[in-house]
Amino acid sequence: MAKGYAQGQQKRMVQMPVNPLAIKTKKYALDKNKFISLNMTQFVKNQWYWGFVPLGLIAVNAVLNITGVYHNYWIYVLTVVAALGYVAFWAIQFTGITQLKQYEQLFEKYRYEIDSRQILMKISDQEGGVIKWDMIKSARKDKEAYILDLGQYQFIYLPFNVFTSDNDKKLLDKILKDKGYFA
């Protein structure tokens, strides 16, 4: 099962000093369906090459059937069922995370304060978590959000509408470029 902030990556904090130049976002809660779709997309990107195993089995079986060495049709069905079962297993895992109590905090509303030192995830002014930039493995910008990857199937999703101005988005672009996440 995918790991989340419940595994100790989010630390409770007591009134951290605030950088006046930090990017301050509106409160945002990650939608559960968005979580599932982003993780399934990452799953496909990470494991697409395993699709060649069922295709290879089907090709070998087709050659054996055509040459008359071994006639069977069950391998076609079994291969497709196994491949679909594997994908369904991961879809169920990601869906299950959205239902478990220990992962509720992944879907709480957070306000982010981002500067060149760290990312503060705040539930309130007294409670939240600190994420240092060295915990971010990679970052990308798609058509609707910034996605900061913390590890396999762990990420911070920042849609553009949580930023208070275009200058905040430009500043985040600059921080991500300075940190080496963008070219």
C-alpha atoms as a PDB file:
ATOM      1  CA  MET A   1       0.000   0.000   0.000  1.00  0.00           C
ATOM      2  CA  ALA A   2       1.263   3.463  -0.770  1.00  0.00           C
ATOM      3  CA  LYS A   3       2.757   5.449   2.051  1.00  0.00           C
ATOM      4  CA  GLY A   4       1.382   8.785   3.159  1.00  0.00           C
ATOM      5  CA  TYR A   5       2.061  11.455   5.646  1.00  0.00           C
ATOM      6  CA  ALA A   6       0.908   9.126   8.417  1.00  0.00           C
ATOM      7  CA  GLN A   7       4.292   7.397   8.127  1.00  0.00           C
ATOM      8  CA  GLY A   8       6.068  10.268   9.901  1.00  0.00           C
ATOM      9  CA  GLN A   9       6.750  12.593   6.996  1.00  0.00           C
ATOM     10  CA  GLN A  10       4.536  15.298   8.398  1.00  0.00           C
ATOM     11  CA  LYS A  11       5.650  16.782  11.667  1.00  0.00           C
ATOM     12  CA  ARG A  12       3.427  18.777  13.955  1.00  0.00           C
ATOM     13  CA  MET A  13       4.812  22.227  14.490  1.00  0.00           C
ATOM     14  CA  VAL A  14       4.493  25.000  16.983  1.00  0.00           C
ATOM     15  CA  GLN A  15       4.196  28.509  15.500  1.00  0.00           C
ATOM     16  CA  MET A  16       7.076  28.576  13.030  1.00  0.00           C
ATOM     17  CA  PRO A  17       8.661  31.905  12.126  1.00  0.00           C
ATOM     18  CA  VAL A  18       7.038  33.148   8.931  1.00  0.00           C
ATOM     19  CA  ASN A  19       8.967  34.520   5.994  1.00  0.00           C
ATOM     20  CA  PRO A  20       7.214  37.696   4.803  1.00  0.00           C
ATOM     21  CA  LEU A  21       8.321  36.921   1.228  1.00  0.00           C
ATOM     22  CA  ALA A  22       6.844  33.410   1.280  1.00  0.00           C
ATOM     23  CA  ILE A  23       4.156  32.386  -1.175  1.00  0.00           C
ATOM     24  CA  LYS A  24       0.932  32.029   0.785  1.00  0.00           C
ATOM     25  CA  THR A  25      -1.833  29.987  -0.805  1.00  0.00           C
ATOM     26  CA  LYS A  26      -5.533  29.680  -0.177  1.00  0.00           C
ATOM     27  CA  LYS A  27      -6.737  26.627   1.751  1.00  0.00           C
ATOM     28  CA  TYR A  28      -6.954  23.564  -0.437  1.00  0.00           C
ATOM     29  CA  ALA A  29      -7.947  19.939   0.094  1.00  0.00           C
ATOM     30  CA  LEU A  30      -6.873  17.283  -2.390  1.00  0.00           C
ATOM     31  CA  ASP A  31      -9.875  15.635  -4.012  1.00  0.00           C
ATOM     32  CA  LYS A  32      -9.947  11.878  -3.511  1.00  0.00           C
ATOM     33  CA  ASN A  33     -10.677  11.190  -7.176  1.00  0.00           C
ATOM     34  CA  LYS A  34      -7.754  13.423  -8.177  1.00  0.00           C
ATOM     35  CA  PHE A  35      -5.512  11.459  -5.802  1.00  0.00           C
ATOM     36  CA  ILE A  36      -6.567   8.178  -7.403  1.00  0.00           C
ATOM     37  CA  SER A  37      -6.146   9.463 -10.971  1.00  0.00           C
ATOM     38  CA  LEU A  38      -2.714  10.993 -10.286  1.00  0.00           C
ATOM     39  CA  ASN A  39      -1.484   7.791  -8.657  1.00  0.00           C
ATOM     40  CA  MET A  40      -2.851   5.607 -11.453  1.00  0.00           C
ATOM     41  CA  THR A  41      -1.128   7.886 -13.984  1.00  0.00           C
ATOM     42  CA  GLN A  42       2.147   7.541 -12.068  1.00  0.00           C
ATOM     43  CA  PHE A  43       1.588   3.775 -11.866  1.00  0.00           C
ATOM     44  CA  VAL A  44       1.227   3.526 -15.660  1.00  0.00           C
ATOM     45  CA  LYS A  45       4.283   5.737 -16.237  1.00  0.00           C
ATOM     46  CA  ASN A  46       6.385   3.645 -13.839  1.00  0.00           C
ATOM     47  CA  GLN A  47       5.252   0.189 -14.961  1.00  0.00           C
ATOM     48  CA  TRP A  48       4.220   0.444 -18.619  1.00  0.00           C
ATOM     49  CA  TYR A  49       6.936  -1.976 -19.727  1.00  0.00           C
ATOM     50  CA  TRP A  50       5.273  -4.825 -17.816  1.00  0.00           C
ATOM     51  CA  GLY A  51       2.573  -4.705 -20.505  1.00  0.00           C
ATOM     52  CA  PHE A  52       5.003  -6.515 -22.790  1.00  0.00           C
ATOM     53  CA  VAL A  53       4.832  -9.670 -20.639  1.00  0.00           C
ATOM     54  CA  PRO A  54       1.186 -10.481 -21.488  1.00  0.00           C
ATOM     55  CA  LEU A  55       1.763  -9.398 -25.102  1.00  0.00           C
ATOM     56  CA  GLY A  56       4.776 -11.725 -25.297  1.00  0.00           C
ATOM     57  CA  LEU A  57       2.814 -14.617 -23.829  1.00  0.00           C
ATOM     58  CA  ILE A  58       0.014 -14.054 -26.319  1.00  0.00           C
ATOM     59  CA  ALA A  59       2.523 -13.848 -29.206  1.00  0.00           C
ATOM     60  CA  VAL A  60       4.284 -17.072 -28.165  1.00  0.00           C
ATOM     61  CA  ASN A  61       0.953 -18.833 -27.796  1.00  0.00           C
ATOM     62  CA  ALA A  62      -0.190 -17.549 -31.198  1.00  0.00           C
ATOM     63  CA  VAL A  63       2.977 -18.960 -32.809  1.00  0.00           C
ATOM     64  CA  LEU A  64       2.454 -22.304 -31.035  1.00  0.00           C
ATOM     65  CA  ASN A  65      -1.176 -22.412 -32.213  1.00  0.00           C
ATOM     66  CA  ILE A  66      -0.324 -21.504 -35.816  1.00  0.00           C
ATOM     67  CA  THR A  67       2.486 -24.054 -36.059  1.00  0.00           C
ATOM     68  CA  GLY A  68       0.283 -26.732 -34.504  1.00  0.00           C
ATOM     69  CA  VAL A  69       2.769 -27.547 -31.739  1.00  0.00           C
ATOM     70  CA  TYR A  70       0.378 -26.795 -28.894  1.00  0.00           C
ATOM     71  CA  HIS A  71      -3.272 -25.865 -29.348  1.00  0.00           C
ATOM     72  CA  ASN A  72      -4.857 -23.925 -26.525  1.00  0.00           C
ATOM     73  CA  TYR A  73      -7.010 -20.888 -26.074  1.00  0.00           C
ATOM     74  CA  TRP A  74      -7.024 -20.559 -22.298  1.00  0.00           C
ATOM     75  CA  ILE A  75      -3.731 -18.633 -22.285  1.00  0.00           C
ATOM     76  CA  TYR A  76      -5.363 -15.721 -24.136  1.00  0.00           C
ATOM     77  CA  VAL A  77      -8.077 -15.404 -21.529  1.00  0.00           C
ATOM     78  CA  LEU A  78      -5.783 -16.035 -18.562  1.00  0.00           C
ATOM     79  CA  THR A  79      -3.232 -13.474 -19.733  1.00  0.00           C
ATOM     80  CA  VAL A  80      -5.801 -10.728 -20.220  1.00  0.00           C
ATOM     81  CA  VAL A  81      -7.504 -11.515 -16.896  1.00  0.00           C
ATOM     82  CA  ALA A  82      -4.157 -11.493 -15.049  1.00  0.00           C
ATOM     83  CA  ALA A  83      -3.112  -8.162 -16.605  1.00  0.00           C
ATOM     84  CA  LEU A  84      -6.460  -6.540 -15.825  1.00  0.00           C
ATOM     85  CA  GLY A  85      -6.360  -8.043 -12.324  1.00  0.00           C
ATOM     86  CA  TYR A  86      -2.940  -6.479 -11.681  1.00  0.00           C
ATOM     87  CA  VAL A  87      -4.135  -3.035 -12.747  1.00  0.00           C
ATOM     88  CA  ALA A  88      -7.352  -3.462 -10.744  1.00  0.00           C
ATOM     89  CA  PHE A  89      -5.313  -4.451  -7.675  1.00  0.00           C
ATOM     90  CA  TRP A  90      -3.445  -1.131  -7.750  1.00  0.00           C
ATOM     91  CA  ALA A  91      -6.622   0.834  -8.434  1.00  0.00           C
ATOM     92  CA  ILE A  92      -8.185  -0.793  -5.371  1.00  0.00           C
ATOM     93  CA  GLN A  93      -5.083   0.033  -3.300  1.00  0.00           C
ATOM     94  CA  PHE A  94      -5.246   3.713  -4.228  1.00  0.00           C
ATOM     95  CA  THR A  95      -9.003   3.815  -3.679  1.00  0.00           C
ATOM     96  CA  GLY A  96      -8.576   2.105  -0.307  1.00  0.00           C
ATOM     97  CA  ILE A  97      -6.166   4.789   0.863  1.00  0.00           C
ATOM     98  CA  THR A  98      -8.905   7.376   0.409  1.00  0.00           C
ATOM     99  CA  GLN A  99     -11.166   5.372   2.750  1.00  0.00           C
ATOM    100  CA  LEU A 100      -8.765   4.627   5.607  1.00  0.00           C
ATOM    101  CA  LYS A 101      -8.833   6.741   8.746  1.00  0.00           C
ATOM    102  CA  GLN A 102      -5.035   6.928   9.088  1.00  0.00           C
ATOM    103  CA  TYR A 103      -4.827   8.642   5.685  1.00  0.00           C
ATOM    104  CA  GLU A 104      -7.555  11.241   6.368  1.00  0.00           C
ATOM    105  CA  GLN A 105      -4.948  13.956   6.786  1.00  0.00           C
ATOM    106  CA  LEU A 106      -3.966  13.576   3.112  1.00  0.00           C
ATOM    107  CA  PHE A 107      -7.353  15.040   2.233  1.00  0.00           C
ATOM    108  CA  GLU A 108      -7.630  17.796   4.855  1.00  0.00           C
ATOM    109  CA  LYS A 109      -7.607  21.444   3.874  1.00  0.00           C
ATOM    110  CA  TYR A 110      -4.133  22.907   4.045  1.00  0.00           C
ATOM    111  CA  ARG A 111      -2.787  26.384   3.508  1.00  0.00           C
ATOM    112  CA  TYR A 112       0.726  26.340   2.081  1.00  0.00           C
ATOM    113  CA  GLU A 113       3.536  28.797   2.759  1.00  0.00           C
ATOM    114  CA  ILE A 114       6.351  28.219   0.316  1.00  0.00           C
ATOM    115  CA  ASP A 115       9.767  29.835   0.348  1.00  0.00           C
ATOM    116  CA  SER A 116      13.286  28.840  -0.692  1.00  0.00           C
ATOM    117  CA  ARG A 117      13.922  27.049   2.635  1.00  0.00           C
ATOM    118  CA  GLN A 118      10.835  24.895   3.091  1.00  0.00           C
ATOM    119  CA  ILE A 119       7.153  24.301   2.479  1.00  0.00           C
ATOM    120  CA  LEU A 120       4.850  24.794   5.446  1.00  0.00           C
ATOM    121  CA  MET A 121       1.577  22.874   5.283  1.00  0.00           C
ATOM    122  CA  LYS A 122      -0.740  24.562   7.752  1.00  0.00           C
ATOM    123  CA  ILE A 123      -4.065  23.287   8.999  1.00  0.00           C
ATOM    124  CA  SER A 124      -4.313  26.327  11.258  1.00  0.00           C
ATOM    125  CA  ASP A 125      -1.872  28.972  12.459  1.00  0.00           C
ATOM    126  CA  GLN A 126      -0.723  26.677  15.284  1.00  0.00           C
ATOM    127  CA  GLU A 127      -0.840  23.292  13.570  1.00  0.00           C
ATOM    128  CA  GLY A 128       0.743  21.915  10.417  1.00  0.00           C
ATOM    129  CA  GLY A 129       3.808  20.313   8.935  1.00  0.00           C
ATOM    130  CA  VAL A 130       7.193  21.230   7.514  1.00  0.00           C
ATOM    131  CA  ILE A 131       8.563  19.779   4.302  1.00  0.00           C
ATOM    132  CA  LYS A 132      12.171  20.584   3.497  1.00  0.00           C
ATOM    133  CA  TRP A 133      13.133  20.944  -0.151  1.00  0.00           C
ATOM    134  CA  ASP A 134      15.506  17.976   0.074  1.00  0.00           C
ATOM    135  CA  MET A 135      12.445  15.748   0.612  1.00  0.00           C
ATOM    136  CA  ILE A 136      11.130  16.718  -2.829  1.00  0.00           C
ATOM    137  CA  LYS A 137      12.375  14.156  -5.370  1.00  0.00           C
ATOM    138  CA  SER A 138      11.038  15.882  -8.491  1.00  0.00           C
ATOM    139  CA  ALA A 139       8.571  18.533  -9.565  1.00  0.00           C
ATOM    140  CA  ARG A 140       6.486  19.058 -12.645  1.00  0.00           C
ATOM    141  CA  LYS A 141       3.981  21.529 -13.945  1.00  0.00           C
ATOM    142  CA  ASP A 142       1.003  20.327 -15.907  1.00  0.00           C
ATOM    143  CA  LYS A 143      -1.873  22.269 -17.453  1.00  0.00           C
ATOM    144  CA  GLU A 144      -3.661  22.845 -14.141  1.00  0.00           C
ATOM    145  CA  ALA A 145      -1.212  22.431 -11.250  1.00  0.00           C
ATOM    146  CA  TYR A 146       2.245  22.011  -9.815  1.00  0.00           C
ATOM    147  CA  ILE A 147       2.986  18.483  -8.636  1.00  0.00           C
ATOM    148  CA  LEU A 148       5.842  18.023  -6.185  1.00  0.00           C
ATOM    149  CA  ASP A 149       6.817  14.352  -5.857  1.00  0.00           C
ATOM    150  CA  LEU A 150       7.979  13.214  -2.420  1.00  0.00           C
ATOM    151  CA  GLY A 151       8.479   9.599  -3.415  1.00  0.00           C
ATOM    152  CA  GLN A 152       6.658   6.824  -5.138  1.00  0.00           C
ATOM    153  CA  TYR A 153       2.928   7.634  -5.034  1.00  0.00           C
ATOM    154  CA  GLN A 154       3.471  10.540  -2.622  1.00  0.00           C
ATOM    155  CA  PHE A 155       3.093  14.101  -3.803  1.00  0.00           C
ATOM    156  CA  ILE A 156       1.965  17.628  -3.063  1.00  0.00           C
ATOM    157  CA  TYR A 157      -0.617  18.826  -5.558  1.00  0.00           C
ATOM    158  CA  LEU A 158      -0.894  22.608  -5.905  1.00  0.00           C
ATOM    159  CA  PRO A 159      -3.545  23.672  -8.430  1.00  0.00           C
ATOM    160  CA  PHE A 160      -3.054  27.102  -9.960  1.00  0.00           C
ATOM    161  CA  ASN A 161      -6.281  28.424  -8.407  1.00  0.00           C
ATOM    162  CA  VAL A 162      -4.832  28.199  -4.856  1.00  0.00           C
ATOM    163  CA  PHE A 163      -2.308  30.921  -5.608  1.00  0.00           C
ATOM    164  CA  THR A 164      -3.412  34.455  -4.795  1.00  0.00           C
ATOM    165  CA  SER A 165      -1.706  36.041  -7.819  1.00  0.00           C
ATOM    166  CA  ASP A 166       0.265  35.300 -10.964  1.00  0.00           C
ATOM    167  CA  ASN A 167       3.345  36.658  -9.214  1.00  0.00           C
ATOM    168  CA  ASP A 168       3.113  33.790  -6.711  1.00  0.00           C
ATOM    169  CA  LYS A 169       3.142  31.276  -9.576  1.00  0.00           C
ATOM    170  CA  LYS A 170       6.132  33.033 -11.147  1.00  0.00           C
ATOM    171  CA  LEU A 171       7.948  33.012  -7.809  1.00  0.00           C
ATOM    172  CA  LEU A 172       7.277  29.280  -7.387  1.00  0.00           C
ATOM    173  CA  ASP A 173       8.574  28.725 -10.921  1.00  0.00           C
ATOM    174  CA  LYS A 174      11.738  30.615  -9.958  1.00  0.00           C
ATOM    175  CA  ILE A 175      12.178  28.637  -6.722  1.00  0.00           C
ATOM    176  CA  LEU A 176      11.716  25.344  -8.578  1.00  0.00           C
ATOM    177  CA  LYS A 177      14.233  26.415 -11.244  1.00  0.00           C
ATOM    178  CA  ASP A 178      16.741  27.539  -8.609  1.00  0.00           C
ATOM    179  CA  LYS A 179      16.363  24.199  -6.803  1.00  0.00           C
ATOM    180  CA  GLY A 180      16.987  22.351 -10.087  1.00  0.00           C
ATOM    181  CA  TYR A 181      13.541  20.825 -10.543  1.00  0.00           C
ATOM    182  CA  PHE A 182      12.800  22.720 -13.767  1.00  0.00           C
ATOM    183  CA  ALA A 183      15.198  23.260 -16.656  1.00  0.00           C
END
